[in-house]
PDB file of N, CA and C in Angstrom:
ATOM      1  N   UNK A   1      -7.453 -10.838  10.367  1.00  0.00           N
ATOM      2  CA  UNK A   1      -6.033 -10.850  10.494  1.00  0.00           C
ATOM      3  C   UNK A   1      -5.347 -10.195   9.302  1.00  0.00           C
ATOM      4  N   UNK A   2      -4.116  -9.915   9.499  1.00  0.00           N
ATOM      5  CA  UNK A   2      -3.314  -9.269   8.462  1.00  0.00           C
ATOM      6  C   UNK A   2      -2.709 -10.312   7.536  1.00  0.00           C
ATOM      7  N   UNK A   3      -2.642  -9.974   6.263  1.00  0.00           N
ATOM      8  CA  UNK A   3      -1.999 -10.852   5.290  1.00  0.00           C
ATOM      9  C   UNK A   3      -0.487 -10.631   5.343  1.00  0.00           C
ATOM     10  N   UNK A   4       0.246 -11.582   4.801  1.00  0.00           N
ATOM     11  CA  UNK A   4       1.700 -11.463   4.760  1.00  0.00           C
ATOM     12  C   UNK A   4       2.108 -10.218   3.973  1.00  0.00           C
ATOM     13  N   UNK A   5       1.416  -9.951   2.860  1.00  0.00           N
ATOM     14  CA  UNK A   5       1.722  -8.770   2.048  1.00  0.00           C
ATOM     15  C   UNK A   5       1.466  -7.495   2.839  1.00  0.00           C
ATOM     16  N   UNK A   6       0.346  -7.416   3.532  1.00  0.00           N
ATOM     17  CA  UNK A   6       0.026  -6.217   4.305  1.00  0.00           C
ATOM     18  C   UNK A   6       1.039  -5.998   5.428  1.00  0.00           C
ATOM     19  N   UNK A   7       1.439  -7.063   6.092  1.00  0.00           N
ATOM     20  CA  UNK A   7       2.445  -6.940   7.154  1.00  0.00           C
ATOM     21  C   UNK A   7       3.781  -6.458   6.604  1.00  0.00           C
ATOM     22  N   UNK A   8       4.202  -7.039   5.494  1.00  0.00           N
ATOM     23  CA  UNK A   8       5.469  -6.625   4.879  1.00  0.00           C
ATOM     24  C   UNK A   8       5.403  -5.163   4.459  1.00  0.00           C
ATOM     25  N   UNK A   9       4.276  -4.757   3.880  1.00  0.00           N
ATOM     26  CA  UNK A   9       4.112  -3.370   3.427  1.00  0.00           C
ATOM     27  C   UNK A   9       4.108  -2.405   4.605  1.00  0.00           C
ATOM     28  N   UNK A  10       3.368  -2.733   5.646  1.00  0.00           N
ATOM     29  CA  UNK A  10       3.263  -1.854   6.812  1.00  0.00           C
ATOM     30  C   UNK A  10       4.589  -1.708   7.549  1.00  0.00           C
ATOM     31  N   UNK A  11       5.419  -2.728   7.466  1.00  0.00           N
ATOM     32  CA  UNK A  11       6.729  -2.683   8.117  1.00  0.00           C
ATOM     33  C   UNK A  11       7.805  -2.103   7.205  1.00  0.00           C
ATOM     34  N   UNK A  12       7.436  -1.784   5.966  1.00  0.00           N
ATOM     35  CA  UNK A  12       8.399  -1.209   5.036  1.00  0.00           C
ATOM     36  C   UNK A  12       9.430  -2.183   4.528  1.00  0.00           C
ATOM     37  N   UNK A  13       9.091  -3.430   4.486  1.00  0.00           N
ATOM     38  CA  UNK A  13      10.001  -4.471   4.001  1.00  0.00           C
ATOM     39  C   UNK A  13       9.858  -4.580   2.482  1.00  0.00           C
ATOM     40  N   UNK A  14      10.515  -3.675   1.763  1.00  0.00           N
ATOM     41  CA  UNK A  14      10.365  -3.583   0.309  1.00  0.00           C
ATOM     42  C   UNK A  14      10.790  -4.858  -0.401  1.00  0.00           C
ATOM     43  N   UNK A  15      11.881  -5.462   0.018  1.00  0.00           N
ATOM     44  CA  UNK A  15      12.355  -6.685  -0.635  1.00  0.00           C
ATOM     45  C   UNK A  15      11.346  -7.813  -0.470  1.00  0.00           C
ATOM     46  N   UNK A  16      10.830  -7.977   0.730  1.00  0.00           N
ATOM     47  CA  UNK A  16       9.829  -9.023   0.966  1.00  0.00           C
ATOM     48  C   UNK A  16       8.549  -8.704   0.206  1.00  0.00           C
ATOM     49  N   UNK A  17       8.154  -7.440   0.207  1.00  0.00           N
ATOM     50  CA  UNK A  17       6.955  -7.032  -0.530  1.00  0.00           C
ATOM     51  C   UNK A  17       7.095  -7.386  -1.999  1.00  0.00           C
ATOM     52  N   UNK A  18       8.245  -7.084  -2.587  1.00  0.00           N
ATOM     53  CA  UNK A  18       8.465  -7.407  -4.008  1.00  0.00           C
ATOM     54  C   UNK A  18       8.410  -8.917  -4.245  1.00  0.00           C
ATOM     55  N   UNK A  19       8.977  -9.687  -3.330  1.00  0.00           N
ATOM     56  CA  UNK A  19       8.950 -11.146  -3.475  1.00  0.00           C
ATOM     57  C   UNK A  19       7.511 -11.669  -3.455  1.00  0.00           C
ATOM     58  N   UNK A  20       6.707 -11.149  -2.552  1.00  0.00           N
ATOM     59  CA  UNK A  20       5.304 -11.573  -2.475  1.00  0.00           C
ATOM     60  C   UNK A  20       4.560 -11.145  -3.738  1.00  0.00           C
ATOM     61  N   UNK A  21       4.843  -9.946  -4.224  1.00  0.00           N
ATOM     62  CA  UNK A  21       4.160  -9.432  -5.414  1.00  0.00           C
ATOM     63  C   UNK A  21       4.504 -10.215  -6.680  1.00  0.00           C
ATOM     64  N   UNK A  22       5.607 -10.955  -6.669  1.00  0.00           N
ATOM     65  CA  UNK A  22       5.972 -11.766  -7.832  1.00  0.00           C
ATOM     66  C   UNK A  22       5.028 -12.944  -8.035  1.00  0.00           C
ATOM     67  N   UNK A  23       4.334 -13.329  -6.991  1.00  0.00           N
ATOM     68  CA  UNK A  23       3.384 -14.439  -7.102  1.00  0.00           C
ATOM     69  C   UNK A  23       2.171 -13.985  -7.911  1.00  0.00           C
ATOM     70  N   UNK A  24       1.679 -14.859  -8.760  1.00  0.00           N
ATOM     71  CA  UNK A  24       0.513 -14.532  -9.577  1.00  0.00           C
ATOM     72  C   UNK A  24      -0.799 -14.771  -8.854  1.00  0.00           C
ATOM     73  N   UNK A  25      -0.763 -15.518  -7.750  1.00  0.00           N
ATOM     74  CA  UNK A  25      -2.001 -15.860  -7.054  1.00  0.00           C
ATOM     75  C   UNK A  25      -2.278 -14.972  -5.833  1.00  0.00           C
ATOM     76  N   UNK A  26      -1.560 -13.874  -5.719  1.00  0.00           N
ATOM     77  CA  UNK A  26      -1.728 -12.995  -4.564  1.00  0.00           C
ATOM     78  C   UNK A  26      -2.770 -11.918  -4.873  1.00  0.00           C
ATOM     79  N   UNK A  27      -3.689 -11.695  -3.925  1.00  0.00           N
ATOM     80  CA  UNK A  27      -4.679 -10.624  -4.078  1.00  0.00           C
ATOM     81  C   UNK A  27      -4.107  -9.388  -3.402  1.00  0.00           C
ATOM     82  N   UNK A  28      -3.767  -8.402  -4.195  1.00  0.00           N
ATOM     83  CA  UNK A  28      -3.017  -7.246  -3.702  1.00  0.00           C
ATOM     84  C   UNK A  28      -3.865  -6.196  -2.998  1.00  0.00           C
ATOM     85  N   UNK A  29      -5.174  -6.307  -3.064  1.00  0.00           N
ATOM     86  CA  UNK A  29      -6.040  -5.275  -2.494  1.00  0.00           C
ATOM     87  C   UNK A  29      -6.858  -5.765  -1.303  1.00  0.00           C
ATOM     88  N   UNK A  30      -6.447  -6.870  -0.690  1.00  0.00           N
ATOM     89  CA  UNK A  30      -7.202  -7.429   0.427  1.00  0.00           C
ATOM     90  C   UNK A  30      -7.148  -6.473   1.615  1.00  0.00           C
ATOM     91  N   UNK A  31      -8.302  -5.992   2.090  1.00  0.00           N
ATOM     92  CA  UNK A  31      -8.302  -5.055   3.216  1.00  0.00           C
ATOM     93  C   UNK A  31      -8.081  -5.760   4.550  1.00  0.00           C
ATOM     94  N   UNK A  32      -7.294  -5.134   5.402  1.00  0.00           N
ATOM     95  CA  UNK A  32      -7.015  -5.665   6.740  1.00  0.00           C
ATOM     96  C   UNK A  32      -7.202  -4.550   7.767  1.00  0.00           C
ATOM     97  N   UNK A  33      -7.254  -4.918   9.014  1.00  0.00           N
ATOM     98  CA  UNK A  33      -7.343  -3.913  10.075  1.00  0.00           C
ATOM     99  C   UNK A  33      -8.529  -2.993   9.889  1.00  0.00           C
ATOM    100  N   UNK A  34      -8.265  -1.741   9.699  1.00  0.00           N
ATOM    101  CA  UNK A  34      -9.295  -0.716   9.517  1.00  0.00           C
ATOM    102  C   UNK A  34      -9.700  -0.584   8.057  1.00  0.00           C
ATOM    103  N   UNK A  35      -9.587  -1.660   7.308  1.00  0.00           N
ATOM    104  CA  UNK A  35      -9.908  -1.626   5.889  1.00  0.00           C
ATOM    105  C   UNK A  35      -8.734  -1.181   5.039  1.00  0.00           C
ATOM    106  N   UNK A  36      -7.533  -1.288   5.594  1.00  0.00           N
ATOM    107  CA  UNK A  36      -6.332  -0.851   4.881  1.00  0.00           C
ATOM    108  C   UNK A  36      -5.895  -1.896   3.869  1.00  0.00           C
ATOM    109  N   UNK A  37      -5.575  -1.437   2.682  1.00  0.00           N
ATOM    110  CA  UNK A  37      -4.912  -2.307   1.718  1.00  0.00           C
ATOM    111  C   UNK A  37      -3.414  -2.243   2.016  1.00  0.00           C
ATOM    112  N   UNK A  38      -2.633  -3.152   1.460  1.00  0.00           N
ATOM    113  CA  UNK A  38      -1.186  -3.063   1.662  1.00  0.00           C
ATOM    114  C   UNK A  38      -0.626  -1.695   1.239  1.00  0.00           C
ATOM    115  N   UNK A  39      -1.154  -1.115   0.152  1.00  0.00           N
ATOM    116  CA  UNK A  39      -0.673   0.193  -0.293  1.00  0.00           C
ATOM    117  C   UNK A  39      -0.943   1.256   0.766  1.00  0.00           C
ATOM    118  N   UNK A  40      -2.146   1.298   1.290  1.00  0.00           N
ATOM    119  CA  UNK A  40      -2.471   2.289   2.313  1.00  0.00           C
ATOM    120  C   UNK A  40      -1.635   2.070   3.569  1.00  0.00           C
ATOM    121  N   UNK A  41      -1.426   0.828   3.945  1.00  0.00           N
ATOM    122  CA  UNK A  41      -0.599   0.529   5.119  1.00  0.00           C
ATOM    123  C   UNK A  41       0.823   1.040   4.914  1.00  0.00           C
ATOM    124  N   UNK A  42       1.370   0.848   3.724  1.00  0.00           N
ATOM    125  CA  UNK A  42       2.727   1.324   3.426  1.00  0.00           C
ATOM    126  C   UNK A  42       2.787   2.847   3.444  1.00  0.00           C
ATOM    127  N   UNK A  43       1.758   3.494   2.898  1.00  0.00           N
ATOM    128  CA  UNK A  43       1.729   4.959   2.887  1.00  0.00           C
ATOM    129  C   UNK A  43       1.628   5.492   4.311  1.00  0.00           C
ATOM    130  N   UNK A  44       0.762   4.923   5.103  1.00  0.00           N
ATOM    131  CA  UNK A  44       0.629   5.374   6.496  1.00  0.00           C
ATOM    132  C   UNK A  44       1.923   5.171   7.270  1.00  0.00           C
ATOM    133  N   UNK A  45       2.689   4.155   6.907  1.00  0.00           N
ATOM    134  CA  UNK A  45       3.969   3.901   7.571  1.00  0.00           C
ATOM    135  C   UNK A  45       5.107   4.732   6.978  1.00  0.00           C
ATOM    136  N   UNK A  46       4.872   5.360   5.818  1.00  0.00           N
ATOM    137  CA  UNK A  46       5.880   6.209   5.201  1.00  0.00           C
ATOM    138  C   UNK A  46       7.039   5.470   4.575  1.00  0.00           C
ATOM    139  N   UNK A  47       6.768   4.325   4.000  1.00  0.00           N
ATOM    140  CA  UNK A  47       7.819   3.479   3.442  1.00  0.00           C
ATOM    141  C   UNK A  47       7.901   3.639   1.923  1.00  0.00           C
ATOM    142  N   UNK A  48       8.747   4.547   1.448  1.00  0.00           N
ATOM    143  CA  UNK A  48       8.803   4.935   0.038  1.00  0.00           C
ATOM    144  C   UNK A  48       9.099   3.778  -0.916  1.00  0.00           C
ATOM    145  N   UNK A  49      10.096   2.956  -0.614  1.00  0.00           N
ATOM    146  CA  UNK A  49      10.442   1.847  -1.514  1.00  0.00           C
ATOM    147  C   UNK A  49       9.301   0.845  -1.628  1.00  0.00           C
ATOM    148  N   UNK A  50       8.641   0.599  -0.510  1.00  0.00           N
ATOM    149  CA  UNK A  50       7.524  -0.336  -0.501  1.00  0.00           C
ATOM    150  C   UNK A  50       6.341   0.246  -1.260  1.00  0.00           C
ATOM    151  N   UNK A  51       6.082   1.524  -1.067  1.00  0.00           N
ATOM    152  CA  UNK A  51       4.999   2.206  -1.780  1.00  0.00           C
ATOM    153  C   UNK A  51       5.225   2.092  -3.281  1.00  0.00           C
ATOM    154  N   UNK A  52       6.437   2.371  -3.718  1.00  0.00           N
ATOM    155  CA  UNK A  52       6.751   2.310  -5.147  1.00  0.00           C
ATOM    156  C   UNK A  52       6.561   0.893  -5.688  1.00  0.00           C
ATOM    157  N   UNK A  53       7.005  -0.110  -4.949  1.00  0.00           N
ATOM    158  CA  UNK A  53       6.840  -1.502  -5.391  1.00  0.00           C
ATOM    159  C   UNK A  53       5.367  -1.835  -5.576  1.00  0.00           C
ATOM    160  N   UNK A  54       4.532  -1.383  -4.663  1.00  0.00           N
ATOM    161  CA  UNK A  54       3.102  -1.664  -4.753  1.00  0.00           C
ATOM    162  C   UNK A  54       2.450  -0.907  -5.905  1.00  0.00           C
ATOM    163  N   UNK A  55       2.803   0.360  -6.071  1.00  0.00           N
ATOM    164  CA  UNK A  55       2.214   1.165  -7.144  1.00  0.00           C
ATOM    165  C   UNK A  55       2.563   0.589  -8.512  1.00  0.00           C
ATOM    166  N   UNK A  56       3.752   0.038  -8.643  1.00  0.00           N
ATOM    167  CA  UNK A  56       4.192  -0.506  -9.932  1.00  0.00           C
ATOM    168  C   UNK A  56       3.547  -1.844 -10.276  1.00  0.00           C
ATOM    169  N   UNK A  57       2.912  -2.497  -9.313  1.00  0.00           N
ATOM    170  CA  UNK A  57       2.293  -3.804  -9.547  1.00  0.00           C
ATOM    171  C   UNK A  57       0.931  -3.615 -10.220  1.00  0.00           C
ATOM    172  N   UNK A  58       0.748  -4.178 -11.422  1.00  0.00           N
ATOM    173  CA  UNK A  58      -0.563  -4.092 -12.070  1.00  0.00           C
ATOM    174  C   UNK A  58      -1.641  -4.709 -11.175  1.00  0.00           C
ATOM    175  N   UNK A  59      -2.757  -4.039 -11.100  1.00  0.00           N
ATOM    176  CA  UNK A  59      -3.875  -4.544 -10.313  1.00  0.00           C
ATOM    177  C   UNK A  59      -4.004  -3.937  -8.932  1.00  0.00           C
ATOM    178  N   UNK A  60      -2.963  -3.253  -8.459  1.00  0.00           N
ATOM    179  CA  UNK A  60      -3.072  -2.601  -7.154  1.00  0.00           C
ATOM    180  C   UNK A  60      -3.989  -1.392  -7.314  1.00  0.00           C
ATOM    181  N   UNK A  61      -5.010  -1.333  -6.486  1.00  0.00           N
ATOM    182  CA  UNK A  61      -6.012  -0.267  -6.572  1.00  0.00           C
ATOM    183  C   UNK A  61      -5.521   0.962  -5.812  1.00  0.00           C
ATOM    184  N   UNK A  62      -5.112   1.983  -6.555  1.00  0.00           N
ATOM    185  CA  UNK A  62      -4.614   3.199  -5.909  1.00  0.00           C
ATOM    186  C   UNK A  62      -5.757   4.081  -5.410  1.00  0.00           C
ATOM    187  N   UNK A  63      -6.997   3.708  -5.711  1.00  0.00           N
ATOM    188  CA  UNK A  63      -8.162   4.474  -5.268  1.00  0.00           C
ATOM    189  C   UNK A  63      -8.975   3.739  -4.205  1.00  0.00           C
ATOM    190  N   UNK A  64      -8.402   2.721  -3.584  1.00  0.00           N
ATOM    191  CA  UNK A  64      -9.124   1.969  -2.558  1.00  0.00           C
ATOM    192  C   UNK A  64      -9.464   2.887  -1.385  1.00  0.00           C
ATOM    193  N   UNK A  65     -10.505   2.519  -0.648  1.00  0.00           N
ATOM    194  CA  UNK A  65     -10.901   3.296   0.527  1.00  0.00           C
ATOM    195  C   UNK A  65     -10.859   2.418   1.769  1.00  0.00           C
ATOM    196  N   UNK A  66     -10.365   3.003   2.859  1.00  0.00           N
ATOM    197  CA  UNK A  66     -10.412   2.283   4.131  1.00  0.00           C
ATOM    198  C   UNK A  66     -11.808   2.446   4.737  1.00  0.00           C
ATOM    199  N   UNK A  67     -12.027   1.935   5.912  1.00  0.00           N
ATOM    200  CA  UNK A  67     -13.380   1.965   6.483  1.00  0.00           C
ATOM    201  C   UNK A  67     -13.855   3.378   6.802  1.00  0.00           C
ATOM    202  N   UNK A  68     -12.964   4.347   6.809  1.00  0.00           N
ATOM    203  CA  UNK A  68     -13.325   5.733   7.080  1.00  0.00           C
ATOM    204  C   UNK A  68     -13.421   6.571   5.805  1.00  0.00           C
ATOM    205  N   UNK A  69     -13.233   5.935   4.661  1.00  0.00           N
ATOM    206  CA  UNK A  69     -13.304   6.630   3.383  1.00  0.00           C
ATOM    207  C   UNK A  69     -11.977   7.193   2.911  1.00  0.00           C
ATOM    208  N   UNK A  70     -10.920   6.986   3.674  1.00  0.00           N
ATOM    209  CA  UNK A  70      -9.601   7.488   3.289  1.00  0.00           C
ATOM    210  C   UNK A  70      -9.002   6.665   2.161  1.00  0.00           C
ATOM    211  N   UNK A  71      -8.399   7.334   1.221  1.00  0.00           N
ATOM    212  CA  UNK A  71      -7.740   6.685   0.090  1.00  0.00           C
ATOM    213  C   UNK A  71      -6.225   6.795   0.259  1.00  0.00           C
ATOM    214  N   UNK A  72      -5.459   6.049  -0.531  1.00  0.00           N
ATOM    215  CA  UNK A  72      -4.007   6.223  -0.476  1.00  0.00           C
ATOM    216  C   UNK A  72      -3.592   7.687  -0.707  1.00  0.00           C
ATOM    217  N   UNK A  73      -4.243   8.363  -1.652  1.00  0.00           N
ATOM    218  CA  UNK A  73      -3.922   9.772  -1.909  1.00  0.00           C
ATOM    219  C   UNK A  73      -4.232  10.623  -0.679  1.00  0.00           C
ATOM    220  N   UNK A  74      -5.355  10.378  -0.048  1.00  0.00           N
ATOM    221  CA  UNK A  74      -5.727  11.101   1.167  1.00  0.00           C
ATOM    222  C   UNK A  74      -4.649  10.960   2.240  1.00  0.00           C
ATOM    223  N   UNK A  75      -4.208   9.722   2.477  1.00  0.00           N
ATOM    224  CA  UNK A  75      -3.208   9.491   3.518  1.00  0.00           C
ATOM    225  C   UNK A  75      -1.861  10.111   3.154  1.00  0.00           C
ATOM    226  N   UNK A  76      -1.488  10.045   1.881  1.00  0.00           N
ATOM    227  CA  UNK A  76      -0.218  10.647   1.454  1.00  0.00           C
ATOM    228  C   UNK A  76      -0.250  12.160   1.646  1.00  0.00           C
ATOM    229  N   UNK A  77      -1.368  12.786   1.277  1.00  0.00           N
ATOM    230  CA  UNK A  77      -1.497  14.237   1.438  1.00  0.00           C
ATOM    231  C   UNK A  77      -1.530  14.614   2.917  1.00  0.00           C
ATOM    232  N   UNK A  78      -2.263  13.852   3.708  1.00  0.00           N
ATOM    233  CA  UNK A  78      -2.371  14.134   5.143  1.00  0.00           C
ATOM    234  C   UNK A  78      -1.008  14.071   5.825  1.00  0.00           C
ATOM    235  N   UNK A  79      -0.157  13.175   5.357  1.00  0.00           N
ATOM    236  CA  UNK A  79       1.171  13.027   5.946  1.00  0.00           C
ATOM    237  C   UNK A  79       2.227  13.853   5.214  1.00  0.00           C
ATOM    238  N   UNK A  80       1.778  14.704   4.304  1.00  0.00           N
ATOM    239  CA  UNK A  80       2.650  15.617   3.560  1.00  0.00           C
ATOM    240  C   UNK A  80       3.772  14.894   2.829  1.00  0.00           C
ATOM    241  N   UNK A  81       3.430  13.803   2.191  1.00  0.00           N
ATOM    242  CA  UNK A  81       4.394  13.030   1.408  1.00  0.00           C
ATOM    243  C   UNK A  81       4.235  13.413  -0.065  1.00  0.00           C
ATOM    244  N   UNK A  82       4.856  14.534  -0.428  1.00  0.00           N
ATOM    245  CA  UNK A  82       4.692  15.096  -1.767  1.00  0.00           C
ATOM    246  C   UNK A  82       5.102  14.127  -2.869  1.00  0.00           C
ATOM    247  N   UNK A  83       6.188  13.404  -2.681  1.00  0.00           N
ATOM    248  CA  UNK A  83       6.640  12.454  -3.689  1.00  0.00           C
ATOM    249  C   UNK A  83       5.626  11.355  -3.927  1.00  0.00           C
ATOM    250  N   UNK A  84       5.003  10.880  -2.860  1.00  0.00           N
ATOM    251  CA  UNK A  84       3.990   9.833  -2.985  1.00  0.00           C
ATOM    252  C   UNK A  84       2.744  10.393  -3.655  1.00  0.00           C
ATOM    253  N   UNK A  85       2.355  11.607  -3.278  1.00  0.00           N
ATOM    254  CA  UNK A  85       1.204  12.249  -3.928  1.00  0.00           C
ATOM    255  C   UNK A  85       1.441  12.321  -5.427  1.00  0.00           C
ATOM    256  N   UNK A  86       2.630  12.730  -5.831  1.00  0.00           N
ATOM    257  CA  UNK A  86       2.966  12.815  -7.254  1.00  0.00           C
ATOM    258  C   UNK A  86       2.874  11.449  -7.921  1.00  0.00           C
ATOM    259  N   UNK A  87       3.371  10.408  -7.279  1.00  0.00           N
ATOM    260  CA  UNK A  87       3.283   9.055  -7.842  1.00  0.00           C
ATOM    261  C   UNK A  87       1.836   8.620  -8.033  1.00  0.00           C
ATOM    262  N   UNK A  88       0.977   8.984  -7.101  1.00  0.00           N
ATOM    263  CA  UNK A  88      -0.420   8.564  -7.156  1.00  0.00           C
ATOM    264  C   UNK A  88      -1.237   9.339  -8.181  1.00  0.00           C
ATOM    265  N   UNK A  89      -0.786  10.533  -8.516  1.00  0.00           N
ATOM    266  CA  UNK A  89      -1.521  11.343  -9.504  1.00  0.00           C
ATOM    267  C   UNK A  89      -1.074  10.993 -10.869  1.00  0.00           C
TER     268      UNK A  89
END
C-alpha cells in the first residue's frame, strides 16, 4: 500500500507533504507501488512545489531507483522537466 507521504506527494499536495515531513519519525524513502519513493511519485506527477519540499528534506534519497531502475533524475529528464533536473544535479 501507499504511505500517506507518497499519496500526498503523488497528488501534489505540497502543504500536506511539508506537514508530514516535519515529523522526525517519518521514513522518507519508503518505496510504494512500482518501487516509487515519494520523490519519484512527485516527479512523475509533475508537482514542482512538492518536489522542492522533498528535495529540501535531509535524508531524502535523490538517487533512489524504482523497480525498473529509474531514478528521480531519469524521470525528470524523461518528462523534460528542466528545472527539476537542475535541482537534482
